[in-house]
Amino acid sequence: MADQLLSTVSHHSSVPDNYVRPESQRPRLHEVVRDADIPTIDLGSLDVSRVIAQVGDACRSFGFFQVVNHGVPDELMLSLMAVASEFFRLPPEEKAKHYSDDPAKKMRLSTSFNIRKETVRNWRDYLRLHCYPLEEFVPGWPSNPASFKEVVSAYCREALSNGRYRSVCHRAVVNSDTDRMSVASFLCPCNSAVISPPEKLVGDGSPAVYRSYTYEEYYSKFWSRNLDDEHCLELFKASDAQEAGRMKQERLPPP
């Protein structure tokens, strides 16, 4: 299956049919707001309360924000992007050592999103790494390029709202001239963690929008679907007012 990696071919003269999306699913660039006032949050501010308030406002209004003064040196970020690009330029036989379509694996190289389910694929390859605790996972990371473990682990060291915070749809638009490389960091709970809104967000006039669920349940459903399916969170919506009331009742203190 590793031969399906896009990065195994240095240049594509055309887009394969299984990557061509219907017109209705393609990005509409004429709708892009280029002068949007995206919130910028200064993480170096000494006013912690103000920073917390800014994060909350941005999550409610936009669903995302950009940060400055985050403490990660520019040199380290440039080194990370360089070693990531070097990894994807490795020979196919080297990258094949890390290829897997099993979402349960802690370290794997794959392509698209879920090629077991998809009829139309996404134009991307990705390397997924679990990194906490570092001493547990780093030994299993790729050793080629030689600086991969050192640079990525250095970067890692630096580096639930009842529907009130917006969950935006992430879409990256690529072009035929240049590669696009991104490094995303995700903070995930343990499998047994129960996901539910804080008590103060569930009350009179504000019933629970989603039922309680474990992270393991969410992860399983997330990887069993097609990226084009409905938002995974929709699968956990409280079915009706009775379900919402039940969740609220569960939160009441014992008599």
Protein backbone atom coordinates (compact mmCIF):
# COMPACT_ATOMS: atom_id res chain seq x y z
CA MET A 1 0.00 0.00 0.00
CA ALA A 2 2.97 2.33 0.44
CA ASP A 3 3.08 2.75 -3.34
CA GLN A 4 -0.03 4.92 -2.96
CA LEU A 5 1.94 7.68 -1.26
CA LEU A 6 1.86 10.85 -3.33
CA SER A 7 5.40 11.70 -2.30
CA THR A 8 6.80 8.59 -4.01
CA VAL A 9 6.39 10.37 -7.34
CA SER A 10 8.52 13.46 -7.87
CA HIS A 11 6.09 15.08 -10.30
CA HIS A 12 2.50 14.41 -11.32
CA SER A 13 1.57 15.52 -14.82
CA SER A 14 -2.14 15.21 -14.07
CA VAL A 15 -4.53 14.59 -11.19
CA PRO A 16 -5.57 10.91 -10.96
CA ASP A 17 -9.32 10.30 -11.29
CA ASN A 18 -9.67 9.08 -7.70
CA TYR A 19 -8.56 12.52 -6.46
CA VAL A 20 -10.98 14.56 -8.57
CA ARG A 21 -13.85 15.95 -6.51
CA PRO A 22 -17.24 17.01 -7.86
CA GLU A 23 -17.59 20.73 -8.49
CA SER A 24 -19.95 21.03 -5.51
CA GLN A 25 -17.21 19.83 -3.11
CA ARG A 26 -14.38 22.00 -4.38
CA PRO A 27 -13.18 25.13 -2.56
CA ARG A 28 -14.89 28.28 -3.79
CA LEU A 29 -12.00 30.71 -3.75
CA HIS A 30 -14.22 33.62 -4.74
CA GLU A 31 -15.89 33.27 -1.32
CA VAL A 32 -12.63 33.58 0.61
CA VAL A 33 -12.49 36.62 2.90
CA ARG A 34 -8.90 37.77 2.50
CA ASP A 35 -9.03 40.68 4.92
CA ALA A 36 -10.62 38.80 7.84
CA ASP A 37 -9.54 40.15 11.21
CA ILE A 38 -8.28 36.87 12.68
CA PRO A 39 -7.67 37.18 16.45
CA THR A 40 -4.00 37.40 17.45
CA ILE A 41 -3.16 36.45 21.03
CA ASP A 42 0.09 37.39 22.77
CA LEU A 43 1.07 34.39 24.89
CA GLY A 44 3.92 36.41 26.39
CA SER A 45 1.52 38.80 28.10
CA LEU A 46 1.82 39.07 31.88
CA ASP A 47 -1.95 39.56 32.15
CA VAL A 48 -2.96 35.89 32.26
CA SER A 49 -6.65 36.66 32.90
CA ARG A 50 -6.76 38.79 29.76
CA VAL A 51 -5.14 36.04 27.69
CA ILE A 52 -7.68 33.50 28.97
CA ALA A 53 -10.53 35.84 28.08
CA GLN A 54 -9.09 36.42 24.60
CA VAL A 55 -8.82 32.69 23.96
CA GLY A 56 -12.44 32.17 25.05
CA ASP A 57 -13.69 35.02 22.86
CA ALA A 58 -11.77 33.75 19.84
CA CYS A 59 -13.07 30.20 20.28
CA ARG A 60 -16.66 31.40 20.52
CA SER A 61 -16.47 33.83 17.60
CA PHE A 62 -14.05 32.22 15.16
CA GLY A 63 -13.10 28.74 16.34
CA PHE A 64 -9.41 29.49 15.82
CA PHE A 65 -6.75 32.16 16.41
CA GLN A 66 -3.08 32.86 15.84
CA VAL A 67 -0.50 33.33 18.57
CA VAL A 68 2.65 35.42 18.95
CA ASN A 69 5.43 35.27 21.56
CA HIS A 70 4.80 31.55 22.07
CA GLY A 71 8.39 30.86 23.10
CA VAL A 72 9.34 28.41 20.33
CA PRO A 73 12.52 29.72 18.65
CA ASP A 74 12.31 30.52 14.94
CA GLU A 75 15.42 28.43 14.31
CA LEU A 76 13.76 25.36 15.81
CA MET A 77 10.61 25.81 13.71
CA LEU A 78 12.70 26.19 10.55
CA SER A 79 14.69 23.06 11.46
CA LEU A 80 11.46 21.13 11.99
CA MET A 81 10.08 22.10 8.58
CA ALA A 82 13.39 21.21 6.95
CA VAL A 83 13.64 17.74 8.51
CA ALA A 84 9.96 17.07 7.71
CA SER A 85 10.54 17.94 4.05
CA GLU A 86 13.65 15.76 4.03
CA PHE A 87 11.65 12.82 5.40
CA PHE A 88 9.04 12.99 2.65
CA ARG A 89 11.79 13.14 0.02
CA LEU A 90 13.26 9.82 1.20
CA PRO A 91 13.28 6.91 -1.28
CA PRO A 92 9.99 4.94 -1.47
CA GLU A 93 11.54 1.81 0.03
CA GLU A 94 12.65 3.79 3.10
CA LYS A 95 9.24 5.37 3.66
CA ALA A 96 7.52 2.01 3.13
CA LYS A 97 9.02 0.85 6.45
CA HIS A 98 6.67 3.23 8.27
CA TYR A 99 3.52 2.90 6.14
CA SER A 100 0.28 1.72 7.76
CA ASP A 101 -3.48 2.24 7.43
CA ASP A 102 -4.11 1.11 11.02
CA PRO A 103 -5.30 4.13 13.07
CA ALA A 104 -4.41 2.31 16.29
CA LYS A 105 -0.69 2.51 15.55
CA LYS A 106 1.21 5.12 17.54
CA MET A 107 3.52 5.96 14.65
CA ARG A 108 2.55 5.59 11.01
CA LEU A 109 2.97 7.09 7.58
CA SER A 110 -0.16 7.16 5.44
CA THR A 111 -1.98 9.07 2.74
CA SER A 112 -5.28 10.91 2.26
CA PHE A 113 -7.52 10.41 5.33
CA ASN A 114 -9.00 6.91 5.37
CA ILE A 115 -8.36 5.17 2.07
CA ARG A 116 -10.26 2.11 3.29
CA LYS A 117 -13.47 4.13 3.21
CA GLU A 118 -12.94 6.90 0.68
CA THR A 119 -14.12 6.97 -2.90
CA VAL A 120 -12.40 10.31 -3.53
CA ARG A 121 -9.06 10.81 -1.83
CA ASN A 122 -7.40 13.87 -0.36
CA TRP A 123 -4.16 15.09 -1.90
CA ARG A 124 -1.79 14.63 1.02
CA ASP A 125 0.63 12.27 2.73
CA TYR A 126 1.12 12.48 6.48
CA LEU A 127 3.28 11.10 9.25
CA ARG A 128 1.48 10.65 12.57
CA LEU A 129 3.55 10.50 15.76
CA HIS A 130 2.49 10.02 19.36
CA CYS A 131 4.92 12.02 21.45
CA TYR A 132 3.96 11.94 25.14
CA PRO A 133 5.78 10.82 27.10
CA LEU A 134 8.72 11.38 24.77
CA GLU A 135 10.90 8.75 26.40
CA GLU A 136 8.28 6.13 25.54
CA PHE A 137 7.64 7.03 21.90
CA VAL A 138 10.83 8.59 20.50
CA PRO A 139 12.69 5.23 20.21
CA GLY A 140 10.06 4.06 17.70
CA TRP A 141 10.26 7.17 15.51
CA PRO A 142 12.05 7.18 12.14
CA SER A 143 15.85 7.29 12.38
CA ASN A 144 16.18 8.58 8.83
CA PRO A 145 16.85 11.49 8.37
CA ALA A 146 19.52 11.23 11.06
CA SER A 147 18.38 14.43 12.82
CA PHE A 148 14.67 13.53 12.78
CA LYS A 149 14.32 12.34 16.38
CA GLU A 150 16.43 15.14 17.84
CA VAL A 151 14.67 17.98 16.00
CA VAL A 152 11.10 16.73 16.38
CA SER A 153 11.47 15.83 20.07
CA ALA A 154 12.95 19.28 20.76
CA TYR A 155 9.95 20.89 19.09
CA CYS A 156 7.52 18.73 21.10
CA ARG A 157 9.07 19.88 24.36
CA GLU A 158 8.32 23.52 23.45
CA ALA A 159 5.49 23.25 22.14
CA LEU A 160 -15.28 21.48 26.20
CA SER A 161 -17.78 23.92 25.70
CA ASN A 162 -21.28 22.43 25.06
CA GLY A 163 -21.27 23.81 21.54
CA ARG A 164 -20.33 27.35 22.57
CA TYR A 165 -16.86 27.12 21.07
CA ARG A 166 -16.91 26.83 17.31
CA SER A 167 -15.37 23.81 15.60
CA VAL A 168 -14.25 25.04 12.21
CA CYS A 169 -13.78 22.97 9.07
CA HIS A 170 -10.09 22.83 8.20
CA ARG A 171 -9.40 22.98 4.49
CA ALA A 172 -5.99 23.59 2.94
CA VAL A 173 -5.95 24.57 -0.73
CA VAL A 174 -2.91 23.30 -2.64
CA ASN A 175 -1.57 24.30 -6.03
CA SER A 176 0.44 22.74 -8.84
CA ASP A 177 3.59 24.82 -8.33
CA THR A 178 4.75 24.38 -4.75
CA ASP A 179 4.50 21.80 -1.97
CA ARG A 180 2.64 22.65 1.21
CA MET A 181 4.11 21.40 4.48
CA SER A 182 2.37 21.81 7.82
CA VAL A 183 3.06 20.50 11.33
CA ALA A 184 0.00 20.10 13.54
CA SER A 185 0.14 19.40 17.28
CA PHE A 186 -2.88 17.81 18.98
CA LEU A 187 -3.51 17.51 22.71
CA CYS A 188 -5.56 14.34 23.23
CA PRO A 189 -6.93 12.85 26.48
CA CYS A 190 -6.50 9.25 27.57
CA ASN A 191 -8.94 6.70 26.16
CA SER A 192 -10.97 6.47 29.38
CA ALA A 193 -11.48 10.23 29.69
CA VAL A 194 -15.17 11.20 29.66
CA ILE A 195 -15.96 14.17 27.42
CA SER A 196 -18.83 16.33 28.66
CA PRO A 197 -19.44 20.05 29.25
CA PRO A 198 -18.71 21.66 32.64
CA GLU A 199 -21.69 21.92 34.97
CA LYS A 200 -21.97 25.70 34.66
CA LEU A 201 -22.57 25.35 30.92
CA VAL A 202 -25.55 23.03 31.40
CA GLY A 203 -28.51 24.57 33.14
CA ASP A 204 -31.91 26.16 32.70
CA GLY A 205 -32.27 27.24 29.11
CA SER A 206 -28.98 25.58 28.14
CA PRO A 207 -29.54 21.82 27.87
CA ALA A 208 -26.64 19.55 26.99
CA VAL A 209 -26.08 19.61 23.23
CA TYR A 210 -23.99 16.44 23.23
CA ARG A 211 -24.20 13.27 25.26
CA SER A 212 -21.28 12.18 27.41
CA TYR A 213 -18.80 9.90 25.69
CA THR A 214 -15.27 8.60 26.18
CA TYR A 215 -12.37 9.68 24.03
CA GLU A 216 -11.91 6.04 22.99
CA GLU A 217 -15.47 6.01 21.62
CA TYR A 218 -14.89 9.23 19.72
CA TYR A 219 -11.57 8.01 18.28
CA SER A 220 -13.16 4.78 17.09
CA LYS A 221 -16.00 6.58 15.31
CA PHE A 222 -13.65 9.19 13.86
CA TRP A 223 -11.52 6.61 12.05
CA SER A 224 -14.47 4.47 10.93
CA ARG A 225 -15.89 7.19 8.72
CA ASN A 226 -15.20 8.96 5.47
CA LEU A 227 -13.86 12.50 5.68
CA ASP A 228 -16.82 13.61 3.55
CA ASP A 229 -19.33 12.28 6.07
CA GLU A 230 -21.03 14.53 8.58
CA HIS A 231 -18.93 16.11 11.31
CA CYS A 232 -17.98 13.34 13.74
CA LEU A 233 -19.26 15.38 16.69
CA GLU A 234 -22.76 15.21 15.20
CA LEU A 235 -22.79 11.49 16.07
CA PHE A 236 -22.79 12.40 19.76
CA LYS A 237 -25.59 14.94 19.81
CA ALA A 238 -28.17 14.46 22.57
CA SER A 239 -31.13 12.80 20.87
CA ASP A 240 -33.80 14.93 22.51
CA ALA A 241 -34.68 16.98 25.58
CA GLN A 242 -35.12 13.79 27.61
CA GLU A 243 -31.51 12.81 26.95
CA ALA A 244 -30.35 16.31 27.82
CA GLY A 245 -32.35 16.20 31.04
CA ARG A 246 -30.86 12.85 31.94
CA MET A 247 -27.35 14.27 31.61
CA LYS A 248 -28.28 17.21 33.78
CA GLN A 249 -29.80 14.88 36.39
CA GLU A 250 -26.58 12.84 36.48
CA ARG A 251 -24.71 15.96 37.54
CA LEU A 252 -26.86 16.65 40.59
CA PRO A 253 -25.04 16.02 43.90
CA PRO A 254 -26.17 13.04 45.98
CA PRO A 255 -28.83 13.81 48.64
